[in-house]
Protein backbone atom coordinates (compact mmCIF):
# COMPACT_ATOMS: atom_id res chain seq x y z
CA MET A 1 0.00 -0.03 0.04
CA ILE A 2 2.86 2.38 1.01
CA ALA A 3 4.85 1.49 -2.03
CA LYS A 4 1.88 2.09 -4.42
CA LEU A 5 1.08 5.48 -2.80
CA ALA A 6 4.82 6.46 -3.21
CA VAL A 7 4.70 5.53 -6.89
CA TRP A 8 1.45 7.51 -7.37
CA ALA A 9 2.88 10.58 -5.59
CA LEU A 10 6.13 10.22 -7.79
CA THR A 11 4.17 9.96 -11.17
CA ALA A 12 1.37 12.28 -10.62
CA ARG A 13 1.86 15.94 -11.39
CA ALA A 14 0.48 17.11 -8.08
CA GLY A 15 1.82 14.11 -6.13
CA LEU A 16 4.68 16.07 -4.33
CA ALA A 17 2.34 19.02 -3.54
CA VAL A 18 -0.33 16.65 -2.06
CA MET A 19 2.29 14.96 0.19
CA VAL A 20 3.92 18.19 1.36
CA THR A 21 0.48 19.72 2.09
CA THR A 22 -0.71 16.64 4.01
CA ALA A 23 2.43 16.85 6.24
CA ASN A 24 1.85 20.52 7.05
CA LEU A 25 -1.89 19.92 7.67
CA SER A 26 -0.76 17.19 10.21
CA GLY A 27 1.17 19.78 12.08
CA VAL A 28 -1.76 22.13 12.27
CA ALA A 29 -4.12 19.34 13.26
CA VAL A 30 -1.73 18.44 16.09
CA ILE A 31 -1.69 22.09 17.35
CA PHE A 32 -5.35 22.56 17.15
CA THR A 33 -6.16 19.31 19.07
CA GLN A 34 -3.81 20.24 21.80
CA LEU A 35 -5.39 23.71 22.06
CA TRP A 36 -8.80 22.20 22.33
CA LEU A 37 -7.97 19.52 24.82
CA ASN A 38 -6.18 21.63 27.37
CA GLY A 39 -8.96 24.17 27.40
CA PHE A 40 -7.09 26.87 25.46
CA ILE A 41 -10.00 27.44 23.02
CA ASP A 42 -12.61 27.68 25.78
CA ARG A 43 -10.62 30.55 27.27
CA LEU A 44 -11.01 32.51 24.10
CA GLY A 45 -14.59 33.05 24.92
CA ALA A 46 -17.42 33.53 22.48
CA ASN A 47 -15.04 35.00 19.87
CA TRP A 48 -12.99 31.84 19.73
CA LEU A 49 -13.84 31.20 16.07
CA HIS A 50 -12.79 34.84 15.09
CA ALA A 51 -9.67 34.42 16.98
CA LEU A 52 -8.84 31.12 15.25
CA GLY A 53 -9.66 32.83 11.90
CA LEU A 54 -7.15 35.45 12.57
CA ALA A 55 -4.54 33.04 13.85
CA GLY A 56 -5.11 30.80 10.74
CA ILE A 57 -4.59 33.49 8.17
CA TYR A 58 -0.82 32.93 8.13
CA PRO A 59 -0.96 29.07 8.15
CA ALA A 60 -3.34 29.33 5.20
CA ALA A 61 -1.00 31.49 3.42
CA GLY A 62 1.97 29.24 4.32
CA ILE A 63 0.12 26.18 2.96
CA LEU A 64 -0.70 27.89 -0.25
CA LEU A 65 2.91 29.06 -0.64
CA GLY A 66 4.08 25.49 0.14
CA VAL A 67 1.75 24.15 -2.53
CA LEU A 68 3.12 26.57 -5.17
CA LEU A 69 6.74 25.67 -4.11
CA ALA A 70 5.99 22.01 -4.26
CA VAL A 71 4.58 22.30 -7.83
CA ARG A 72 7.74 24.26 -8.72
CA ASP A 73 9.92 21.55 -7.01
CA ARG A 74 8.17 18.78 -9.03
CA ARG A 75 9.23 20.57 -12.24
CA VAL A 76 12.73 21.19 -11.08
CA TYR A 77 13.66 17.95 -9.27
CA PHE A 78 11.58 15.51 -11.41
CA GLY A 79 11.90 17.07 -14.92
CA TRP A 80 14.15 14.17 -16.08
CA PHE A 81 11.67 11.73 -14.65
CA ASP A 82 8.76 13.32 -16.60
CA ALA A 83 10.70 13.45 -19.82
CA ARG A 84 11.49 9.61 -19.35
CA ARG A 85 15.29 10.09 -19.61
CA THR A 86 18.27 9.44 -17.43
CA PRO A 87 19.19 12.23 -15.05
CA THR A 88 22.46 14.12 -15.42
CA ALA A 89 24.95 13.86 -12.54
CA ALA A 90 23.83 17.22 -11.26
CA GLU A 91 20.11 16.29 -11.45
CA ALA A 92 20.82 12.93 -9.54
CA ARG A 93 22.82 14.80 -6.75
CA ARG A 94 19.98 17.36 -6.49
CA MET A 95 17.37 14.69 -6.18
CA LEU A 96 19.32 13.27 -3.07
CA ARG A 97 19.04 16.60 -1.34
CA LEU A 98 15.24 16.96 -1.89
CA PRO A 99 14.00 15.64 1.52
CA ALA A 100 16.41 17.91 3.49
CA VAL A 101 15.63 20.97 1.30
CA ILE A 102 11.79 20.68 1.48
CA SER A 103 11.85 19.96 5.23
CA SER A 104 14.06 22.91 5.87
CA ARG A 105 11.90 25.15 3.82
CA ALA A 106 8.76 23.96 5.55
CA LEU A 107 10.32 24.77 8.96
CA ALA A 108 11.42 28.13 7.72
CA VAL A 109 7.77 28.93 6.59
CA TRP A 110 6.55 27.77 9.98
CA ILE A 111 8.69 29.91 12.25
CA PRO A 112 7.09 33.27 11.29
CA GLY A 113 3.72 31.66 11.73
CA VAL A 114 4.63 30.53 15.19
CA ILE A 115 5.50 34.27 16.17
CA VAL A 116 2.38 35.64 14.53
CA ALA A 117 0.05 33.14 16.13
CA THR A 118 1.63 33.48 19.62
CA ALA A 119 1.25 37.40 19.36
CA ILE A 120 -2.37 37.02 18.40
CA PHE A 121 -3.39 34.63 21.14
CA GLU A 122 -1.48 36.68 23.76
CA HIS A 123 -3.45 39.73 22.70
CA LEU A 124 -6.81 37.99 22.70
CA THR A 125 -6.26 35.85 25.91
CA PRO A 126 -3.95 37.60 28.30
CA ASP A 127 -4.57 34.94 30.81
CA ASN A 128 -2.68 32.23 28.87
CA ASP A 129 1.01 31.79 29.37
CA ARG A 130 2.99 33.12 26.43
CA GLY A 131 5.75 30.65 26.73
CA VAL A 132 3.39 27.67 26.74
CA THR A 133 1.65 29.12 23.48
CA ALA A 134 4.86 29.64 21.77
CA ALA A 135 6.12 26.16 22.84
CA LEU A 136 3.01 24.42 21.47
CA PHE A 137 3.26 26.15 18.08
CA THR A 138 6.90 25.54 17.83
CA LEU A 139 6.61 21.89 18.57
CA GLY A 140 3.90 21.66 15.98
CA ALA A 141 6.13 23.22 13.45
CA PHE A 142 8.99 20.77 14.01
CA GLU A 143 6.48 17.88 13.97
CA SER A 144 5.30 19.05 10.53
CA ALA A 145 8.94 19.36 9.24
CA ALA A 146 9.89 15.91 10.49
CA VAL A 147 6.85 14.30 8.93
CA THR A 148 7.64 16.15 5.72
CA PHE A 149 11.10 14.73 5.76
CA LEU A 150 9.96 11.16 6.21
CA ILE A 151 7.42 11.45 3.41
CA VAL A 152 9.54 13.02 0.78
CA ASP A 153 12.27 10.62 1.66
CA ARG A 154 9.90 7.72 0.98
CA LEU A 155 8.63 9.34 -2.17
CA ILE A 156 11.87 9.59 -3.93
CA ARG A 157 13.07 5.99 -3.02
CA PRO A 158 11.82 4.46 -6.45
CA THR A 159 14.18 6.83 -8.24
CA ILE A 160 17.23 5.63 -6.28
CA PRO A 161 18.25 2.81 -8.63
CA VAL A 162 18.29 5.20 -11.49
CA VAL A 163 20.33 7.70 -9.49
CA ALA A 164 22.79 5.02 -8.43
CA GLU A 165 23.30 4.03 -12.14
CA VAL A 166 24.41 7.58 -12.78
CA LEU A 167 26.48 8.32 -9.67
CA GLY A 168 27.51 4.82 -8.63
CA TRP A 169 27.27 4.48 -4.95
CA THR A 170 26.58 7.83 -3.22
CA MET A 171 24.67 9.20 -0.35
CA HIS A 172 23.61 12.52 1.29
CA TRP A 173 24.02 13.00 5.04
CA SER A 174 20.25 13.45 5.40
CA SER A 175 19.61 10.09 3.91
CA SER A 176 21.81 8.11 6.27
CA VAL A 177 20.42 5.48 8.56
CA LEU A 178 21.39 7.69 11.55
CA ALA A 179 19.46 10.65 10.28
CA ARG A 180 16.38 8.49 9.68
CA VAL A 181 16.42 7.05 13.03
CA VAL A 182 16.94 10.37 14.68
CA VAL A 183 13.98 11.94 12.71
CA THR A 184 11.77 8.90 13.38
CA TRP A 185 12.56 9.08 17.14
CA THR A 186 11.70 12.92 17.00
CA VAL A 187 8.37 12.32 15.48
CA ALA A 188 7.46 9.29 17.53
CA ALA A 189 8.93 10.02 20.93
CA ALA A 190 10.62 13.36 21.48
CA LEU A 191 8.06 15.71 20.20
CA PRO A 192 4.97 14.08 21.91
CA LEU A 193 6.78 13.87 25.20
CA LEU A 194 7.84 17.53 24.96
CA MET A 195 4.16 18.52 24.19
CA LEU A 196 3.15 16.50 27.18
CA ILE A 197 5.69 18.40 29.33
CA VAL A 198 4.41 21.74 27.96
CA VAL A 199 0.83 20.85 28.66
CA LEU A 200 1.48 19.72 32.30
CA ALA A 201 3.49 22.83 32.78
CA ASP A 202 0.60 25.25 31.67
CA PRO A 203 -0.49 27.02 34.75
CA ALA A 204 -3.70 28.28 33.09
CA SER A 205 -4.89 24.79 32.19
CA ASP A 206 -7.54 23.11 34.43
CA PRO A 207 -6.20 19.79 36.07
CA THR A 208 -8.95 17.79 34.18
CA ASP A 209 -7.81 19.30 30.86
CA ARG A 210 -4.21 18.50 31.65
CA VAL A 211 -5.04 14.79 32.37
CA ARG A 212 -7.20 14.59 29.24
CA THR A 213 -4.42 16.21 27.12
CA ALA A 214 -1.81 13.92 28.72
CA ILE A 215 -3.79 10.85 27.97
CA TYR A 216 -4.29 12.02 24.32
CA LEU A 217 -0.58 12.69 23.77
CA SER A 218 0.38 9.45 25.39
CA VAL A 219 -2.01 7.53 22.99
CA VAL A 220 -0.69 9.51 20.00
CA GLY A 221 2.90 8.96 21.03
CA ILE A 222 2.34 5.22 21.40
CA GLY A 223 0.51 4.88 18.15
CA VAL A 224 2.71 7.15 16.10
CA GLY A 225 5.74 5.52 17.66
CA ALA A 226 4.66 2.06 16.91
CA LEU A 227 3.78 3.02 13.29
CA ALA A 228 7.11 5.00 12.68
CA THR A 229 9.19 2.31 14.22
CA THR A 230 7.47 -0.25 12.01
CA PHE A 231 8.23 1.66 8.86
CA LEU A 232 11.83 2.19 9.94
CA ALA A 233 12.32 -1.44 10.89
CA ARG A 234 10.89 -2.55 7.47
CA ALA A 235 13.09 0.00 5.67
CA VAL A 236 16.08 -1.70 7.18
CA ALA A 237 14.90 -5.23 7.35
CA ALA A 238 13.82 -5.68 3.86
CA PRO A 239 17.02 -4.77 2.16
CA MET A 240 19.07 -6.67 4.72
CA HIS A 241 16.94 -9.75 3.85
CA THR A 242 17.57 -9.36 0.24
CA LEU A 243 21.19 -8.80 0.81
CA HIS A 244 21.27 -12.03 2.94
CA ARG A 245 19.72 -14.09 0.20
CA ALA A 246 22.06 -12.63 -2.38
CA LEU A 247 25.12 -13.45 -0.19
CA ASP A 248 23.83 -17.03 0.26
CA ARG A 249 23.49 -17.41 -3.54
CA ILE A 250 27.02 -15.99 -4.04
CA THR A 251 28.46 -18.58 -1.57
CA GLN A 252 26.64 -21.30 -3.47
CA GLY A 253 28.46 -20.29 -6.65
CA GLU A 254 25.84 -18.11 -8.31
CA LEU A 255 27.93 -15.22 -9.33
CA GLY A 256 25.35 -13.71 -11.58
CA VAL A 257 23.58 -12.03 -8.63
CA GLN A 258 22.62 -8.44 -8.87
CA VAL A 259 21.08 -6.65 -5.97
CA PRO A 260 18.85 -3.57 -6.83
CA ILE A 261 20.14 -0.43 -5.13
CA GLY A 262 17.07 0.98 -3.54
CA ASN A 263 18.74 3.20 -0.80
CA THR A 264 21.20 6.13 -0.59
CA SER A 265 22.06 5.26 2.99
CA GLU A 266 24.70 2.92 4.42
CA ILE A 267 22.45 0.10 3.36
CA GLY A 268 22.71 1.37 -0.33
CA ARG A 269 26.43 1.28 0.14
CA LEU A 270 26.17 -2.32 1.26
CA GLU A 271 23.96 -3.17 -1.70
CA HIS A 272 26.59 -1.66 -3.99
CA SER A 273 29.37 -3.52 -2.30
CA VAL A 274 27.59 -6.84 -2.67
CA ASN A 275 27.15 -6.14 -6.45
CA GLU A 276 30.91 -5.17 -6.57
CA LEU A 277 31.79 -8.41 -4.74
CA ALA A 278 29.78 -10.47 -7.17
CA ALA A 279 31.32 -8.65 -10.15
CA ASN A 280 34.79 -9.20 -8.77
CA LEU A 281 34.20 -12.81 -8.21
CA ARG A 282 32.92 -13.22 -11.71
CA GLU A 283 35.92 -11.59 -13.14
CA ARG A 284 38.16 -13.71 -10.81
CA GLN A 285 36.36 -16.79 -12.09
CA ARG A 286 36.80 -15.71 -15.65
CA MET A 287 40.51 -15.06 -15.06
CA ARG A 288 40.79 -18.51 -13.42
CA GLU A 289 39.09 -20.18 -16.35
CA VAL A 290 41.24 -18.38 -18.89
CA PHE A 291 44.41 -19.16 -16.89
CA GLY A 292 43.22 -22.75 -16.43
CA ARG A 293 42.60 -22.98 -20.36
CA HIS A 294 46.34 -21.69 -20.94
CA VAL A 295 48.15 -23.80 -18.35
CA GLY A 296 45.72 -26.42 -17.34
CA PRO A 297 43.25 -26.49 -14.36
CA GLU A 298 45.62 -28.36 -12.02
CA VAL A 299 48.50 -26.01 -12.76
CA ALA A 300 46.14 -23.00 -12.33
CA GLU A 301 44.95 -24.34 -8.88
CA ARG A 302 48.41 -25.04 -7.81
CA ALA A 303 49.51 -21.44 -8.72
CA LEU A 304 46.53 -19.93 -7.01
CA ALA A 305 47.15 -21.97 -3.86
CA ARG A 306 50.98 -21.47 -3.66
CA GLY A 307 51.30 -18.01 -4.96
CA ALA A 308 54.30 -16.59 -6.95
CA ASP A 309 57.12 -18.54 -5.27
CA LEU A 310 59.27 -20.86 -7.27
CA THR A 311 58.47 -24.33 -6.23
CA GLY A 312 58.96 -27.85 -7.47
CA ASP A 313 60.19 -31.30 -6.78
CA VAL A 314 61.15 -34.52 -8.37
CA ARG A 315 58.54 -36.83 -9.42
CA GLU A 316 58.26 -40.20 -11.21
CA VAL A 317 56.08 -39.44 -14.24
CA THR A 318 55.09 -40.62 -17.66
CA ALA A 319 55.61 -38.24 -20.53
CA LEU A 320 53.50 -38.43 -23.69
CA PHE A 321 54.65 -36.53 -26.77
CA VAL A 322 52.42 -36.05 -29.86
CA ASP A 323 53.63 -34.56 -33.11
CA VAL A 324 52.11 -34.14 -36.57
CA THR A 325 53.64 -35.95 -39.64
CA GLY A 326 54.50 -33.68 -42.48
CA SER A 327 53.27 -30.47 -40.85
CA VAL A 328 55.61 -28.25 -42.95
CA GLU A 329 54.09 -29.62 -46.18
CA LEU A 330 50.49 -29.18 -44.76
CA SER A 331 51.04 -25.66 -43.51
CA THR A 332 52.49 -24.60 -46.88
CA GLY A 333 49.83 -26.35 -48.97
CA LEU A 334 46.81 -25.16 -46.98
CA PRO A 335 45.42 -21.70 -46.17
CA PRO A 336 46.55 -20.71 -42.65
CA GLN A 337 43.00 -20.70 -41.35
CA GLU A 338 42.27 -24.23 -42.65
CA PHE A 339 45.59 -25.72 -41.19
CA VAL A 340 44.90 -24.04 -37.75
CA ALA A 341 41.37 -25.59 -37.81
CA LYS A 342 42.84 -29.03 -38.34
CA LEU A 343 45.38 -28.47 -35.77
CA ASN A 344 42.74 -27.33 -33.19
CA ARG A 345 40.72 -30.43 -33.79
CA LEU A 346 43.79 -32.57 -33.23
CA LEU A 347 44.70 -30.73 -30.01
CA ALA A 348 41.06 -30.95 -28.79
CA ILE A 349 41.52 -34.75 -29.08
CA VAL A 350 44.71 -34.75 -27.19
CA VAL A 351 43.41 -32.59 -24.39
CA ALA A 352 40.29 -34.69 -23.96
CA ALA A 353 42.10 -38.00 -23.94
CA THR A 354 44.70 -36.58 -21.55
CA GLU A 355 42.47 -34.95 -18.99
CA GLU A 356 39.98 -37.84 -18.93
CA ASN A 357 42.92 -40.07 -18.01
CA ASN A 358 44.03 -37.61 -15.23
CA GLY A 359 46.99 -36.06 -17.08
CA LEU A 360 48.10 -32.62 -17.88
CA VAL A 361 48.63 -31.07 -21.18
CA ASN A 362 51.79 -29.26 -20.18
CA LYS A 363 52.43 -27.18 -23.35
CA PHE A 364 51.60 -26.92 -27.05
CA GLU A 365 54.75 -26.52 -29.17
CA GLY A 366 53.40 -25.67 -32.52
CA ASP A 367 51.89 -28.76 -34.05
CA ALA A 368 53.10 -30.88 -31.10
CA ALA A 369 51.92 -31.41 -27.54
CA LEU A 370 53.61 -32.52 -24.41
CA CYS A 371 51.41 -34.34 -21.95
CA ILE A 372 52.33 -35.38 -18.33
CA PHE A 373 50.84 -38.08 -16.15
CA GLY A 374 51.87 -37.82 -12.48
CA ALA A 375 52.50 -34.00 -12.05
CA PRO A 376 51.50 -31.77 -10.60
CA ILE A 377 48.85 -34.18 -9.14
CA ALA A 378 50.44 -37.55 -8.21
CA LEU A 379 48.85 -40.68 -9.62
CA ARG A 380 49.13 -44.18 -8.26
CA ASP A 381 49.60 -45.58 -11.76
CA ASN A 382 50.49 -42.95 -14.21
CA ALA A 383 51.94 -45.46 -16.70
CA THR A 384 48.60 -47.19 -17.43
CA THR A 385 46.67 -43.88 -17.81
CA ALA A 386 49.26 -42.65 -20.16
CA LEU A 387 49.17 -45.82 -22.41
CA ARG A 388 45.28 -45.60 -22.63
CA ALA A 389 45.54 -41.93 -23.45
CA ALA A 390 48.10 -42.71 -26.26
CA ARG A 391 45.88 -45.43 -27.91
CA ARG A 392 42.87 -43.17 -27.73
CA ILE A 393 44.72 -40.12 -29.24
CA ARG A 394 46.13 -42.31 -32.11
CA ASP A 395 42.70 -44.02 -32.76
CA GLU A 396 40.65 -40.80 -32.91
CA VAL A 397 43.18 -38.89 -34.82
CA LEU A 398 43.67 -41.47 -37.48
CA ALA A 399 39.95 -42.16 -37.61
CA SER A 400 39.29 -38.59 -38.50
CA GLY A 401 41.59 -38.92 -41.53
CA GLU A 402 42.81 -35.30 -41.39
CA LEU A 403 46.27 -35.72 -40.00
CA ASP A 404 48.99 -38.29 -39.47
CA ILE A 405 50.86 -38.30 -36.16
CA GLY A 406 53.50 -39.92 -34.12
CA ILE A 407 53.29 -40.64 -30.30
CA GLY A 408 56.08 -41.34 -28.02
CA VAL A 409 55.61 -42.37 -24.32
CA ALA A 410 58.55 -42.61 -21.80
CA ARG A 411 58.81 -42.82 -18.02
CA GLY A 412 61.25 -41.69 -15.37
CA PRO A 413 62.14 -39.16 -12.60
CA VAL A 414 61.82 -35.54 -13.64
CA PHE A 415 61.83 -32.03 -12.01
CA ALA A 416 58.15 -30.89 -11.92
CA GLY A 417 57.79 -27.33 -10.84
CA ASP A 418 58.07 -23.75 -11.69
CA VAL A 419 60.83 -22.16 -13.73
CA GLY A 420 61.26 -18.58 -14.63
CA SER A 421 61.63 -15.25 -12.69
CA ASP A 422 59.71 -13.23 -10.09
CA THR A 423 57.67 -11.74 -12.87
CA ARG A 424 57.21 -14.54 -15.24
CA LEU A 425 56.73 -18.22 -14.18
CA GLU A 426 55.86 -21.44 -16.01
CA PHE A 427 55.14 -24.85 -14.83
CA THR A 428 57.29 -27.41 -16.66
CA VAL A 429 58.90 -30.78 -16.37
CA ILE A 430 62.54 -31.33 -17.04
CA GLY A 431 64.17 -34.83 -17.33
CA ASP A 432 65.31 -37.67 -19.50
CA ALA A 433 61.66 -39.08 -19.70
CA VAL A 434 60.69 -35.95 -21.65
CA ASN A 435 63.62 -36.09 -24.02
CA THR A 436 63.11 -39.80 -24.59
CA ALA A 437 59.37 -39.28 -25.38
CA ALA A 438 60.15 -36.49 -27.82
CA ARG A 439 62.66 -38.73 -29.66
CA LEU A 440 60.47 -41.71 -29.74
CA THR A 441 57.73 -39.55 -31.34
CA THR A 442 59.76 -38.74 -34.38
CA ALA A 443 60.53 -42.59 -34.84
CA ALA A 444 56.86 -43.55 -34.17
CA LYS A 445 55.87 -41.59 -37.37
CA SER A 446 57.21 -44.45 -39.39
CA VAL A 447 55.84 -47.22 -37.21
CA PRO A 448 52.63 -48.90 -38.59
CA ARG A 449 50.71 -48.33 -35.29
CA ARG A 450 52.22 -44.77 -34.85
CA ILE A 451 53.07 -45.30 -31.15
CA LEU A 452 56.46 -46.22 -29.49
CA VAL A 453 56.73 -46.67 -25.83
CA SER A 454 59.72 -47.23 -23.73
CA THR A 455 60.18 -50.32 -21.69
CA ALA A 456 59.97 -48.42 -18.34
CA VAL A 457 56.50 -47.53 -19.18
CA ILE A 458 55.41 -51.09 -19.95
CA GLU A 459 56.99 -52.45 -16.69
CA ALA A 460 55.18 -49.91 -14.57
CA ALA A 461 51.70 -50.53 -16.17
CA THR A 462 49.21 -53.10 -14.93
CA VAL A 463 49.22 -56.66 -16.27
CA GLN A 464 46.08 -56.20 -18.21
CA GLU A 465 47.44 -53.02 -19.98
CA ARG A 466 50.77 -54.70 -20.76
CA SER A 467 48.84 -57.43 -22.55
CA GLU A 468 47.85 -54.79 -25.16
CA TRP A 469 51.49 -54.14 -26.05
CA THR A 470 54.17 -56.01 -27.93
CA PHE A 471 57.87 -55.53 -28.03
CA TYR A 472 58.96 -53.67 -31.22
CA ASP A 473 62.67 -52.90 -31.39
CA THR A 474 65.68 -51.64 -29.46
CA VAL A 475 67.24 -48.32 -30.46
CA ILE A 476 69.88 -45.93 -29.62
CA LEU A 477 68.34 -42.48 -29.45
CA ARG A 478 70.34 -39.40 -30.12
CA GLY A 479 71.80 -37.96 -26.88
CA ILE A 480 70.83 -41.18 -24.90
CA GLN A 481 73.80 -43.65 -24.67
CA GLU A 482 71.82 -46.62 -23.32
CA PRO A 483 69.79 -48.57 -25.84
CA THR A 484 66.01 -47.88 -25.52
CA GLY A 485 63.46 -50.73 -25.76
CA CYS A 486 60.45 -49.78 -27.88
CA TRP A 487 57.02 -51.23 -27.74
CA THR A 488 53.95 -50.68 -29.78
CA ASP A 489 50.37 -51.75 -29.34
CA SER A 490 49.10 -54.78 -31.22
CA ASP A 491 45.74 -55.17 -33.22
CA ILE A 492 44.70 -58.07 -31.02
CA PRO A 493 45.38 -58.27 -27.36
CA SER A 494 48.09 -60.82 -26.62
CA THR A 495 49.32 -62.65 -23.58
CA PRO A 496 51.08 -60.52 -21.01
CA VAL A 497 54.79 -60.06 -21.73
CA SER A 498 57.33 -58.88 -19.19
CA SER A 499 60.61 -58.80 -21.01
CA PRO A 500 61.97 -57.21 -24.23
CA ALA A 501 63.87 -60.39 -24.72
CA THR A 502 60.93 -62.03 -26.40
CA ARG A 503 62.21 -61.48 -29.84
CA SER A 504 65.70 -62.68 -29.25
CA ASP A 505 64.45 -65.87 -27.65
CA HIS A 506 63.66 -67.23 -31.12
CA PRO A 507 66.53 -66.38 -33.57
CA GLY A 508 64.91 -68.21 -36.52
CA ARG A 509 61.57 -66.69 -36.08
CA LYS A 510 60.13 -64.69 -39.16
CA THR A 511 58.64 -61.49 -37.85
CA SER A 512 55.31 -60.16 -39.21
CA SER A 513 55.13 -56.91 -41.09
CA ASP A 514 53.47 -55.19 -37.99
CA GLU A 515 56.59 -56.14 -35.97
CA THR A 516 59.19 -54.98 -38.57
CA ASN A 517 60.21 -51.23 -38.42
CA GLN A 518 61.54 -50.09 -41.73
CA VAL A 519 63.39 -47.04 -40.06
CA ILE A 520 64.49 -48.35 -36.53
CA HIS A 521 66.38 -51.49 -36.25
CA ILE A 522 67.84 -53.54 -33.41
CA HIS A 523 71.15 -52.38 -32.04
CA THR A 524 73.83 -54.38 -30.14
CA GLY A 525 75.69 -51.32 -29.06
CA VAL A 526 78.00 -51.30 -32.18
CA VAL A 527 78.02 -47.91 -33.43
CA GLU A 528 79.49 -46.76 -36.75
CA GLN A 529 82.28 -44.38 -36.58
CA GLU A 530 80.23 -41.65 -38.15
CA ASP A 531 77.98 -41.64 -35.07
CA GLU A 532 80.86 -41.37 -32.68
CA ALA A 533 82.16 -38.34 -34.39
CA MET A 534 78.79 -36.56 -34.41
CA PRO A 535 78.53 -33.61 -32.00
CA SER A 536 75.77 -34.04 -29.28
CA ALA A 537 72.60 -32.11 -30.00
CA GLU A 538 70.18 -30.33 -27.74
CA MET A 539 68.44 -32.76 -25.25
CA ASN A 540 65.09 -30.95 -25.71
CA SER A 541 64.96 -31.34 -29.54
CA PRO A 542 62.23 -33.81 -30.55
CA ALA A 543 63.95 -34.64 -33.87
CA ILE A 544 65.83 -38.00 -34.06
CA ASP A 545 69.06 -38.11 -35.95
CA GLU A 546 68.49 -41.20 -38.20
CA ARG A 547 72.23 -41.67 -38.73
CA SER A 548 72.50 -42.91 -35.11
CA LEU A 549 69.98 -45.62 -35.76
CA VAL A 550 72.32 -48.25 -37.10
CA ARG A 551 71.19 -51.65 -38.68
CA ASN A 552 72.24 -54.68 -36.56
CA ARG A 553 72.91 -57.47 -38.98
CA LYS A 554 73.36 -59.95 -36.27
CA ASN A 555 70.68 -62.16 -34.69
CA HIS A 556 70.23 -62.35 -30.97
């Protein structure tokens, strides 16, 4: 009901004038009732009506002046509202000052009336106490001004969201919670009690009239106090309840919460702060998601938890390296957008297969990707998950028919942690397992099944997973002195194998085409002189120097 009345007063042309007039008439009514109850009017004699008419000339003129000023205020303060446009910053700030301005002006209009009315009644009734008369009219003036403040403050409340959009969070001293509480207390308690004191102190009043007036003021004080306190409590409790629900939704992860700013007090500041909190959390979540997309969710969580310190440790991990075959020819023969689209579809397969097997895509290197299983989150069995991911990547990429790839998988201790400086950090893994996986990847491009796995990975996998793999060859990789046993997966699951000596146990056995590598051949450690003279290359280069892969013409 109150909200509908406020909206009507705000939209109607005469709404502000009606509210201000009502407030002033309430002050006049309070004064007249007191004069009647304490016997003041009876002491005027038979000409009481004439006396009231003389005393009422100024109040009538004051009310008329108030109406005219209210109509002017409606045009000055609400012009932007009537024009259905957003207020300027100056208009918005002027709107916030409206309750204090109108209340102060109403009090200024009342004060001369108090002086005039006191002088008239003193002349007509010399028996009355001048101080009591002046006090009654003065208290009525303050009552009228306080009620005007509360009414106008409630009237402009529907405009606050628009004002807040223009000014952001802002407030005027007159609209603070403290000011509202003080004004409400003045209307509901202070002024009725002061009037009661004045009536009881009137020496000209009959004791019966004093008691009657005291009862009246007490009843009015209780009623007005209850009503004003209810309105004040609701004005505070309703937005606080909205804020409580909004914060509950934010704690549950609903970051799209937006609290309407319906106040210019400290409550409005709190509403604005909750909106800022939700916006900051949305931005932080967006940054976390962007950060996680660039470095992986596990690395992002690790970085956010540990801060900017350089940290790391040695882990036993399985490294999986994926590289595209013939990427140079593809990139030169296709438009850049088409090549990037193909590459993105490949990398999407790599990311999905890796993350669903609890691995981390550590970095993209052009048309290649390095995936780590066992860091930064330790896995009980990182070898099995890496092998499953390798098969899935190979199957899905080759099934798409867009690109050809090679996959190398190796296992061993690596440093897993942050490298860089105080201003730029990167999570990475450094160790022989990464180098071995990169070199196996280049060799795997010529293997029929397109995957080569080191023996260390097979030995660490489960028995069921090992049954999917078969020994392929032993090679010496560039930069690695010890021969590396290579395994590849088979079309049909075989019985579990546990040693790369399977092929050497049958010297006369004829290998199938799937087991014969046309590029990599078995080594016995005999290296041609040309290899011994070659300078060592960078450990992190994924390319394999095929001159170091020497054919062994002897049988095991």
